[in-house]
Amino acid sequence: MKAVIFSGSQLWIRRDGAQAVCWLDAETRRGAALWTEPLEAADGAAVEAVDLVAGTAEPDGIEGVTLRDFFDLATLADYALAARAFELLHWRRSHRFCGHCGRPLARHASERAMACAGCRDLVFPRTNPVVIVRVTRGREILLARRAHGATAFYSVIAGFVEAAETLEAAAAREIAEEVGLRVRNLRYFGSQPWPYPNNLMLAFTAEYDGGEICVDGKEIAIAGWFTPGNLPPIPPPVSIGRKLIDAWVEEERGKV
């Protein structure tokens, strides 16, 4: 059986010509596994996700990279497999005890769930929904730089969906809270798993409907309107935020 192996935050990979792959022979791993989870590759092959003790040394011919860095080295199918492995191992790592009664959880025998023998609660892998919205005004796009973190690029507005909130309401609320604008004509664009560690990005487009930019200073440091020929630094291709921006640039170029 093949394995997708993580040691702490490092994904073990090997080079196959110009491509990097995350399917390793299960015997490649060194040291005891903290957790394992069964997976299925795109071609139906059985694969095992393996979580080793952080700092376990890689064997010869193997290197450790972050999951984000792996995106630039791998096929989309390999990246998707590694991302799923990372999310499942994070779930195992962060759900060792029951949130109701505090007893240790054990892997359910037939479902992908952690089970409590005391109160019989089941804990399934969690996905956090996040809305991400491209707002345009004529031939301009709204881009903003976040107030925290090390990234210096500008992107579209994003935020977590709150309890009992629709995606549409979350999108309008996030834009109003972070930059003080109203929007209309909200349209679904696409989605992307964002395994850092367990989010699902739900992308929308929208049109400006009023208001002046007023950043909140907490989530957003600066925001502005930009034209296709005058864009600030934008996110890397791995993100759906970049796909929203690139799609808009192509649309605007087609109008010329």
C-alpha atoms as a PDB file:
ATOM      1  CA  MET A   1       0.000   0.000   0.000  1.00  0.00           C
ATOM      2  CA  LYS A   2       1.132   3.558  -0.735  1.00  0.00           C
ATOM      3  CA  ALA A   3       1.210   6.218   1.973  1.00  0.00           C
ATOM      4  CA  VAL A   4       0.987  10.010   2.236  1.00  0.00           C
ATOM      5  CA  ILE A   5       3.349  10.768   5.101  1.00  0.00           C
ATOM      6  CA  PHE A   6       3.473  13.861   7.310  1.00  0.00           C
ATOM      7  CA  SER A   7       6.017  14.529  10.040  1.00  0.00           C
ATOM      8  CA  GLY A   8       4.599  17.495  11.931  1.00  0.00           C
ATOM      9  CA  SER A   9       3.776  20.087   9.257  1.00  0.00           C
ATOM     10  CA  GLN A  10       6.163  18.581   6.708  1.00  0.00           C
ATOM     11  CA  LEU A  11       4.861  16.433   3.850  1.00  0.00           C
ATOM     12  CA  TRP A  12       7.316  13.780   2.669  1.00  0.00           C
ATOM     13  CA  ILE A  13       7.747  13.709  -1.101  1.00  0.00           C
ATOM     14  CA  ARG A  14      10.063  12.258  -3.704  1.00  0.00           C
ATOM     15  CA  ARG A  15      11.028  13.692  -7.063  1.00  0.00           C
ATOM     16  CA  ASP A  16       9.952  11.878 -10.206  1.00  0.00           C
ATOM     17  CA  GLY A  17      11.718  13.813 -12.941  1.00  0.00           C
ATOM     18  CA  ALA A  18      10.297  17.335 -12.987  1.00  0.00           C
ATOM     19  CA  GLN A  19       7.311  16.277 -10.895  1.00  0.00           C
ATOM     20  CA  ALA A  20       7.073  15.705  -7.158  1.00  0.00           C
ATOM     21  CA  VAL A  21       4.822  12.944  -5.850  1.00  0.00           C
ATOM     22  CA  CYS A  22       3.409  12.199  -2.410  1.00  0.00           C
ATOM     23  CA  TRP A  23       2.639   8.508  -2.979  1.00  0.00           C
ATOM     24  CA  LEU A  24       5.368   6.741  -1.039  1.00  0.00           C
ATOM     25  CA  ASP A  25       5.797   3.108  -0.178  1.00  0.00           C
ATOM     26  CA  ALA A  26       4.339   2.585   3.282  1.00  0.00           C
ATOM     27  CA  GLU A  27       7.625   1.043   4.452  1.00  0.00           C
ATOM     28  CA  THR A  28       9.355   4.361   3.663  1.00  0.00           C
ATOM     29  CA  ARG A  29       8.182   5.762   6.973  1.00  0.00           C
ATOM     30  CA  ARG A  30      10.518   5.752   9.948  1.00  0.00           C
ATOM     31  CA  GLY A  31       9.365   5.651  13.527  1.00  0.00           C
ATOM     32  CA  ALA A  32       5.945   4.914  14.961  1.00  0.00           C
ATOM     33  CA  ALA A  33       2.865   6.531  13.477  1.00  0.00           C
ATOM     34  CA  LEU A  34       0.810   8.727  15.778  1.00  0.00           C
ATOM     35  CA  TRP A  35      -2.274   8.231  13.595  1.00  0.00           C
ATOM     36  CA  THR A  36      -3.202   6.693  10.278  1.00  0.00           C
ATOM     37  CA  GLU A  37      -6.276   7.202   8.098  1.00  0.00           C
ATOM     38  CA  PRO A  38      -7.366   5.248   4.994  1.00  0.00           C
ATOM     39  CA  LEU A  39      -7.621   7.215   1.744  1.00  0.00           C
ATOM     40  CA  GLU A  40      -8.524   6.543  -1.847  1.00  0.00           C
ATOM     41  CA  ALA A  41      -6.568   8.051  -4.732  1.00  0.00           C
ATOM     42  CA  ALA A  42      -8.222   9.448  -7.859  1.00  0.00           C
ATOM     43  CA  ASP A  43      -7.647   6.154  -9.682  1.00  0.00           C
ATOM     44  CA  GLY A  44      -9.236   4.163  -6.851  1.00  0.00           C
ATOM     45  CA  ALA A  45      -5.984   2.904  -5.359  1.00  0.00           C
ATOM     46  CA  ALA A  46      -5.897   2.423  -1.598  1.00  0.00           C
ATOM     47  CA  VAL A  47      -3.626   4.921   0.171  1.00  0.00           C
ATOM     48  CA  GLU A  48      -2.861   5.474   3.838  1.00  0.00           C
ATOM     49  CA  ALA A  49      -2.396   8.882   5.483  1.00  0.00           C
ATOM     50  CA  VAL A  50       0.345   8.641   8.116  1.00  0.00           C
ATOM     51  CA  ASP A  51       1.168  11.134  10.891  1.00  0.00           C
ATOM     52  CA  LEU A  52       4.649  10.629  12.357  1.00  0.00           C
ATOM     53  CA  VAL A  53       6.287  12.312  15.335  1.00  0.00           C
ATOM     54  CA  ALA A  54       7.337  15.846  14.347  1.00  0.00           C
ATOM     55  CA  GLY A  55      11.004  15.990  13.451  1.00  0.00           C
ATOM     56  CA  THR A  56      11.298  12.392  12.241  1.00  0.00           C
ATOM     57  CA  ALA A  57      14.206  12.362   9.762  1.00  0.00           C
ATOM     58  CA  GLU A  58      13.399  11.711   6.108  1.00  0.00           C
ATOM     59  CA  PRO A  59      14.959   8.615   4.485  1.00  0.00           C
ATOM     60  CA  ASP A  60      17.436   9.028   1.629  1.00  0.00           C
ATOM     61  CA  GLY A  61      15.759  10.281  -1.534  1.00  0.00           C
ATOM     62  CA  ILE A  62      12.859  11.812   0.403  1.00  0.00           C
ATOM     63  CA  GLU A  63      12.404  15.491   1.287  1.00  0.00           C
ATOM     64  CA  GLY A  64       9.972  17.384   3.487  1.00  0.00           C
ATOM     65  CA  VAL A  65       7.962  20.346   2.191  1.00  0.00           C
ATOM     66  CA  THR A  66       4.956  22.289   3.398  1.00  0.00           C
ATOM     67  CA  LEU A  67       1.594  21.500   1.856  1.00  0.00           C
ATOM     68  CA  ARG A  68       1.453  24.948   0.240  1.00  0.00           C
ATOM     69  CA  ASP A  69       4.867  24.490  -1.353  1.00  0.00           C
ATOM     70  CA  PHE A  70       3.782  21.081  -2.646  1.00  0.00           C
ATOM     71  CA  PHE A  71       1.086  22.756  -4.759  1.00  0.00           C
ATOM     72  CA  ASP A  72       3.764  24.247  -7.027  1.00  0.00           C
ATOM     73  CA  LEU A  73       5.532  20.896  -7.425  1.00  0.00           C
ATOM     74  CA  ALA A  74       2.715  18.417  -8.004  1.00  0.00           C
ATOM     75  CA  THR A  75      -0.234  17.542 -10.183  1.00  0.00           C
ATOM     76  CA  LEU A  76      -3.643  18.681  -8.945  1.00  0.00           C
ATOM     77  CA  ALA A  77      -4.586  15.067  -8.221  1.00  0.00           C
ATOM     78  CA  ASP A  78      -1.525  14.548  -6.026  1.00  0.00           C
ATOM     79  CA  TYR A  79      -2.053  17.866  -4.257  1.00  0.00           C
ATOM     80  CA  ALA A  80      -5.714  17.018  -3.592  1.00  0.00           C
ATOM     81  CA  LEU A  81      -4.692  13.683  -2.100  1.00  0.00           C
ATOM     82  CA  ALA A  82      -2.077  15.292   0.146  1.00  0.00           C
ATOM     83  CA  ALA A  83      -4.539  18.006   1.213  1.00  0.00           C
ATOM     84  CA  ARG A  84      -7.149  15.429   2.182  1.00  0.00           C
ATOM     85  CA  ALA A  85      -4.553  13.490   4.148  1.00  0.00           C
ATOM     86  CA  PHE A  86      -3.494  16.664   5.977  1.00  0.00           C
ATOM     87  CA  GLU A  87      -7.081  17.561   6.921  1.00  0.00           C
ATOM     88  CA  LEU A  88      -7.862  14.074   8.216  1.00  0.00           C
ATOM     89  CA  LEU A  89      -4.686  13.879  10.264  1.00  0.00           C
ATOM     90  CA  HIS A  90      -5.387  17.314  11.741  1.00  0.00           C
ATOM     91  CA  TRP A  91      -8.854  16.048  12.689  1.00  0.00           C
ATOM     92  CA  ARG A  92      -7.361  13.023  14.443  1.00  0.00           C
ATOM     93  CA  ARG A  93      -4.768  15.174  16.214  1.00  0.00           C
ATOM     94  CA  SER A  94      -7.322  17.711  17.487  1.00  0.00           C
ATOM     95  CA  HIS A  95     -10.086  15.278  18.529  1.00  0.00           C
ATOM     96  CA  ARG A  96      -8.493  12.999  21.077  1.00  0.00           C
ATOM     97  CA  PHE A  97     -11.010  13.669  23.862  1.00  0.00           C
ATOM     98  CA  CYS A  98     -14.784  13.972  24.020  1.00  0.00           C
ATOM     99  CA  GLY A  99     -16.043  17.547  24.211  1.00  0.00           C
ATOM    100  CA  HIS A 100     -19.106  16.400  26.192  1.00  0.00           C
ATOM    101  CA  CYS A 101     -17.668  14.202  28.942  1.00  0.00           C
ATOM    102  CA  GLY A 102     -13.895  14.490  28.521  1.00  0.00           C
ATOM    103  CA  ARG A 103     -13.215  10.789  27.970  1.00  0.00           C
ATOM    104  CA  PRO A 104     -10.688   9.624  25.355  1.00  0.00           C
ATOM    105  CA  LEU A 105     -12.108   9.126  21.865  1.00  0.00           C
ATOM    106  CA  ALA A 106     -11.475   6.055  19.729  1.00  0.00           C
ATOM    107  CA  ARG A 107     -11.692   5.579  15.972  1.00  0.00           C
ATOM    108  CA  HIS A 108     -15.139   4.289  14.981  1.00  0.00           C
ATOM    109  CA  ALA A 109     -15.025   0.795  13.500  1.00  0.00           C
ATOM    110  CA  SER A 110     -17.065   1.457  10.348  1.00  0.00           C
ATOM    111  CA  GLU A 111     -17.533   5.238   9.926  1.00  0.00           C
ATOM    112  CA  ARG A 112     -14.996   8.026   9.526  1.00  0.00           C
ATOM    113  CA  ALA A 113     -15.703   9.318  13.017  1.00  0.00           C
ATOM    114  CA  MET A 114     -14.235   9.451  16.501  1.00  0.00           C
ATOM    115  CA  ALA A 115     -16.464   7.744  19.051  1.00  0.00           C
ATOM    116  CA  CYS A 116     -16.872   8.207  22.794  1.00  0.00           C
ATOM    117  CA  ALA A 117     -17.505   4.997  24.746  1.00  0.00           C
ATOM    118  CA  GLY A 118     -18.948   7.026  27.632  1.00  0.00           C
ATOM    119  CA  CYS A 119     -21.657   9.273  26.190  1.00  0.00           C
ATOM    120  CA  ARG A 120     -21.609   7.673  22.688  1.00  0.00           C
ATOM    121  CA  ASP A 121     -21.018  11.012  20.972  1.00  0.00           C
ATOM    122  CA  LEU A 122     -19.621  10.849  17.424  1.00  0.00           C
ATOM    123  CA  VAL A 123     -17.229  13.468  16.050  1.00  0.00           C
ATOM    124  CA  PHE A 124     -16.900  13.642  12.268  1.00  0.00           C
ATOM    125  CA  PRO A 125     -14.230  15.552  10.304  1.00  0.00           C
ATOM    126  CA  ARG A 126     -15.091  19.246  10.418  1.00  0.00           C
ATOM    127  CA  THR A 127     -15.128  21.692   7.510  1.00  0.00           C
ATOM    128  CA  ASN A 128     -15.424  25.446   8.135  1.00  0.00           C
ATOM    129  CA  PRO A 129     -17.253  27.358   5.344  1.00  0.00           C
ATOM    130  CA  VAL A 130     -15.626  30.609   4.223  1.00  0.00           C
ATOM    131  CA  VAL A 131     -17.105  33.044   1.707  1.00  0.00           C
ATOM    132  CA  ILE A 132     -14.715  34.888  -0.598  1.00  0.00           C
ATOM    133  CA  VAL A 133     -16.135  37.635  -2.807  1.00  0.00           C
ATOM    134  CA  ARG A 134     -14.908  39.566  -5.833  1.00  0.00           C
ATOM    135  CA  VAL A 135     -16.517  43.021  -5.925  1.00  0.00           C
ATOM    136  CA  THR A 136     -16.347  45.071  -9.122  1.00  0.00           C
ATOM    137  CA  ARG A 137     -17.380  48.609 -10.046  1.00  0.00           C
ATOM    138  CA  GLY A 138     -17.386  49.164 -13.776  1.00  0.00           C
ATOM    139  CA  ARG A 139     -13.843  48.337 -14.926  1.00  0.00           C
ATOM    140  CA  GLU A 140     -12.476  48.376 -11.369  1.00  0.00           C
ATOM    141  CA  ILE A 141     -11.999  45.618  -8.819  1.00  0.00           C
ATOM    142  CA  LEU A 142     -11.953  45.957  -5.043  1.00  0.00           C
ATOM    143  CA  LEU A 143      -8.759  44.570  -3.514  1.00  0.00           C
ATOM    144  CA  ALA A 144      -7.603  44.742   0.083  1.00  0.00           C
ATOM    145  CA  ARG A 145      -4.553  43.915   2.185  1.00  0.00           C
ATOM    146  CA  ARG A 146      -5.079  42.192   5.493  1.00  0.00           C
ATOM    147  CA  ALA A 147      -4.065  43.864   8.736  1.00  0.00           C
ATOM    148  CA  HIS A 148      -2.304  40.810  10.148  1.00  0.00           C
ATOM    149  CA  GLY A 149      -0.013  38.123   8.809  1.00  0.00           C
ATOM    150  CA  ALA A 150       3.186  38.255   6.827  1.00  0.00           C
ATOM    151  CA  THR A 151       1.646  38.495   3.341  1.00  0.00           C
ATOM    152  CA  ALA A 152       2.051  41.774   1.499  1.00  0.00           C
ATOM    153  CA  PHE A 153      -0.345  41.007  -1.354  1.00  0.00           C
ATOM    154  CA  TYR A 154      -3.852  42.337  -1.959  1.00  0.00           C
ATOM    155  CA  SER A 155      -6.816  40.036  -2.482  1.00  0.00           C
ATOM    156  CA  VAL A 156     -10.606  39.939  -2.497  1.00  0.00           C
ATOM    157  CA  ILE A 157     -12.722  40.023   0.676  1.00  0.00           C
ATOM    158  CA  ALA A 158     -13.197  36.789   2.631  1.00  0.00           C
ATOM    159  CA  GLY A 159     -14.614  35.699   5.970  1.00  0.00           C
ATOM    160  CA  PHE A 160     -16.086  32.805   7.915  1.00  0.00           C
ATOM    161  CA  VAL A 161     -19.782  31.969   7.791  1.00  0.00           C
ATOM    162  CA  GLU A 162     -21.395  32.384  11.208  1.00  0.00           C
ATOM    163  CA  ALA A 163     -23.858  30.020  12.885  1.00  0.00           C
ATOM    164  CA  ALA A 164     -27.302  29.884  11.194  1.00  0.00           C
ATOM    165  CA  GLU A 165     -26.158  32.311   8.474  1.00  0.00           C
ATOM    166  CA  THR A 166     -26.663  31.879   4.733  1.00  0.00           C
ATOM    167  CA  LEU A 167     -23.723  32.209   2.374  1.00  0.00           C
ATOM    168  CA  GLU A 168     -25.314  35.274   0.793  1.00  0.00           C
ATOM    169  CA  ALA A 169     -25.826  36.977   4.148  1.00  0.00           C
ATOM    170  CA  ALA A 170     -22.258  36.160   5.184  1.00  0.00           C
ATOM    171  CA  ALA A 171     -20.863  37.680   1.982  1.00  0.00           C
ATOM    172  CA  ALA A 172     -22.814  40.919   2.388  1.00  0.00           C
ATOM    173  CA  ARG A 173     -21.941  41.143   6.088  1.00  0.00           C
ATOM    174  CA  GLU A 174     -18.208  40.592   5.602  1.00  0.00           C
ATOM    175  CA  ILE A 175     -17.987  43.272   2.914  1.00  0.00           C
ATOM    176  CA  ALA A 176     -19.961  45.751   5.009  1.00  0.00           C
ATOM    177  CA  GLU A 177     -17.922  45.039   8.162  1.00  0.00           C
ATOM    178  CA  GLU A 178     -14.476  45.043   6.595  1.00  0.00           C
ATOM    179  CA  VAL A 179     -14.698  47.806   3.982  1.00  0.00           C
ATOM    180  CA  GLY A 180     -18.060  49.528   4.562  1.00  0.00           C
ATOM    181  CA  LEU A 181     -19.587  48.819   1.140  1.00  0.00           C
ATOM    182  CA  ARG A 182     -22.919  47.453  -0.090  1.00  0.00           C
ATOM    183  CA  VAL A 183     -23.116  44.966  -2.960  1.00  0.00           C
ATOM    184  CA  ARG A 184     -25.708  43.526  -5.333  1.00  0.00           C
ATOM    185  CA  ASN A 185     -26.024  40.721  -7.904  1.00  0.00           C
ATOM    186  CA  LEU A 186     -24.177  38.135  -5.850  1.00  0.00           C
ATOM    187  CA  ARG A 187     -23.324  35.134  -8.059  1.00  0.00           C
ATOM    188  CA  TYR A 188     -21.678  31.799  -7.235  1.00  0.00           C
ATOM    189  CA  PHE A 189     -18.255  31.340  -8.870  1.00  0.00           C
ATOM    190  CA  GLY A 190     -16.806  28.095  -7.511  1.00  0.00           C
ATOM    191  CA  SER A 191     -15.297  26.422  -4.475  1.00  0.00           C
ATOM    192  CA  GLN A 192     -11.960  25.189  -3.222  1.00  0.00           C
ATOM    193  CA  PRO A 193     -10.912  23.094  -0.243  1.00  0.00           C
ATOM    194  CA  TRP A 194      -8.458  25.151   1.810  1.00  0.00           C
ATOM    195  CA  PRO A 195      -6.730  22.642   4.107  1.00  0.00           C
ATOM    196  CA  TYR A 196      -4.990  25.164   6.379  1.00  0.00           C
ATOM    197  CA  PRO A 197      -6.217  23.317   8.294  1.00  0.00           C
ATOM    198  CA  ASN A 198      -9.880  22.564   7.423  1.00  0.00           C
ATOM    199  CA  ASN A 199     -11.710  25.287   5.507  1.00  0.00           C
ATOM    200  CA  LEU A 200     -13.899  25.236   2.393  1.00  0.00           C
ATOM    201  CA  MET A 201     -13.723  28.428   0.318  1.00  0.00           C
ATOM    202  CA  LEU A 202     -17.011  29.318  -1.429  1.00  0.00           C
ATOM    203  CA  ALA A 203     -16.343  31.981  -4.040  1.00  0.00           C
ATOM    204  CA  PHE A 204     -18.785  34.595  -5.322  1.00  0.00           C
ATOM    205  CA  THR A 205     -18.802  37.619  -7.572  1.00  0.00           C
ATOM    206  CA  ALA A 206     -20.728  40.798  -6.769  1.00  0.00           C
ATOM    207  CA  GLU A 207     -21.246  44.333  -8.013  1.00  0.00           C
ATOM    208  CA  TYR A 208     -20.746  47.547  -6.050  1.00  0.00           C
ATOM    209  CA  ASP A 209     -24.045  49.014  -4.824  1.00  0.00           C
ATOM    210  CA  GLY A 210     -22.983  51.976  -2.726  1.00  0.00           C
ATOM    211  CA  GLY A 211     -20.902  53.323   0.121  1.00  0.00           C
ATOM    212  CA  GLU A 212     -17.369  54.622   0.553  1.00  0.00           C
ATOM    213  CA  ILE A 213     -14.411  52.434   1.449  1.00  0.00           C
ATOM    214  CA  CYS A 214     -13.877  52.490   5.198  1.00  0.00           C
ATOM    215  CA  VAL A 215     -11.573  49.719   6.410  1.00  0.00           C
ATOM    216  CA  ASP A 216     -12.156  48.246   9.835  1.00  0.00           C
ATOM    217  CA  GLY A 217      -8.480  48.365  10.810  1.00  0.00           C
ATOM    218  CA  LYS A 218      -8.767  44.941  12.453  1.00  0.00           C
ATOM    219  CA  GLU A 219      -9.111  42.540   9.539  1.00  0.00           C
ATOM    220  CA  ILE A 220      -8.232  44.954   6.718  1.00  0.00           C
ATOM    221  CA  ALA A 221      -5.356  47.460   6.712  1.00  0.00           C
ATOM    222  CA  ILE A 222      -5.968  49.111   3.345  1.00  0.00           C
ATOM    223  CA  ALA A 223      -8.361  48.681   0.408  1.00  0.00           C
ATOM    224  CA  GLY A 224      -8.930  50.347  -2.938  1.00  0.00           C
ATOM    225  CA  TRP A 225     -10.258  50.123  -6.474  1.00  0.00           C
ATOM    226  CA  PHE A 226      -7.866  48.875  -9.162  1.00  0.00           C
ATOM    227  CA  THR A 227      -7.957  48.532 -12.942  1.00  0.00           C
ATOM    228  CA  PRO A 228      -6.679  45.499 -14.923  1.00  0.00           C
ATOM    229  CA  GLY A 229      -3.531  47.373 -15.939  1.00  0.00           C
ATOM    230  CA  ASN A 230      -2.743  48.687 -12.463  1.00  0.00           C
ATOM    231  CA  LEU A 231      -2.987  45.753 -10.063  1.00  0.00           C
ATOM    232  CA  PRO A 232      -1.031  45.575  -6.793  1.00  0.00           C
ATOM    233  CA  PRO A 233       0.735  42.338  -5.745  1.00  0.00           C
ATOM    234  CA  ILE A 234      -1.923  39.602  -5.764  1.00  0.00           C
ATOM    235  CA  PRO A 235      -2.138  36.061  -4.270  1.00  0.00           C
ATOM    236  CA  PRO A 236      -0.250  33.080  -5.731  1.00  0.00           C
ATOM    237  CA  PRO A 237      -2.063  30.749  -8.173  1.00  0.00           C
ATOM    238  CA  VAL A 238      -2.851  28.189  -5.449  1.00  0.00           C
ATOM    239  CA  SER A 239      -5.799  30.219  -4.127  1.00  0.00           C
ATOM    240  CA  ILE A 240      -9.301  30.655  -5.480  1.00  0.00           C
ATOM    241  CA  GLY A 241      -8.907  34.349  -4.654  1.00  0.00           C
ATOM    242  CA  ARG A 242      -6.326  34.511  -7.438  1.00  0.00           C
ATOM    243  CA  LYS A 243      -8.661  32.614  -9.757  1.00  0.00           C
ATOM    244  CA  LEU A 244     -11.378  35.217  -9.118  1.00  0.00           C
ATOM    245  CA  ILE A 245      -8.965  38.017  -9.994  1.00  0.00           C
ATOM    246  CA  ASP A 246      -7.539  36.269 -13.072  1.00  0.00           C
ATOM    247  CA  ALA A 247     -11.033  35.510 -14.416  1.00  0.00           C
ATOM    248  CA  TRP A 248     -12.005  39.175 -14.054  1.00  0.00           C
ATOM    249  CA  VAL A 249      -8.827  40.359 -15.829  1.00  0.00           C
ATOM    250  CA  GLU A 250      -9.573  38.021 -18.737  1.00  0.00           C
ATOM    251  CA  GLU A 251     -13.171  39.254 -18.915  1.00  0.00           C
ATOM    252  CA  GLU A 252     -12.043  42.873 -19.030  1.00  0.00           C
ATOM    253  CA  ARG A 253      -9.409  42.203 -21.676  1.00  0.00           C
ATOM    254  CA  GLY A 254     -12.073  40.577 -23.833  1.00  0.00           C
ATOM    255  CA  LYS A 255     -14.115  43.790 -23.754  1.00  0.00           C
ATOM    256  CA  VAL A 256     -11.338  45.894 -25.304  1.00  0.00           C
END
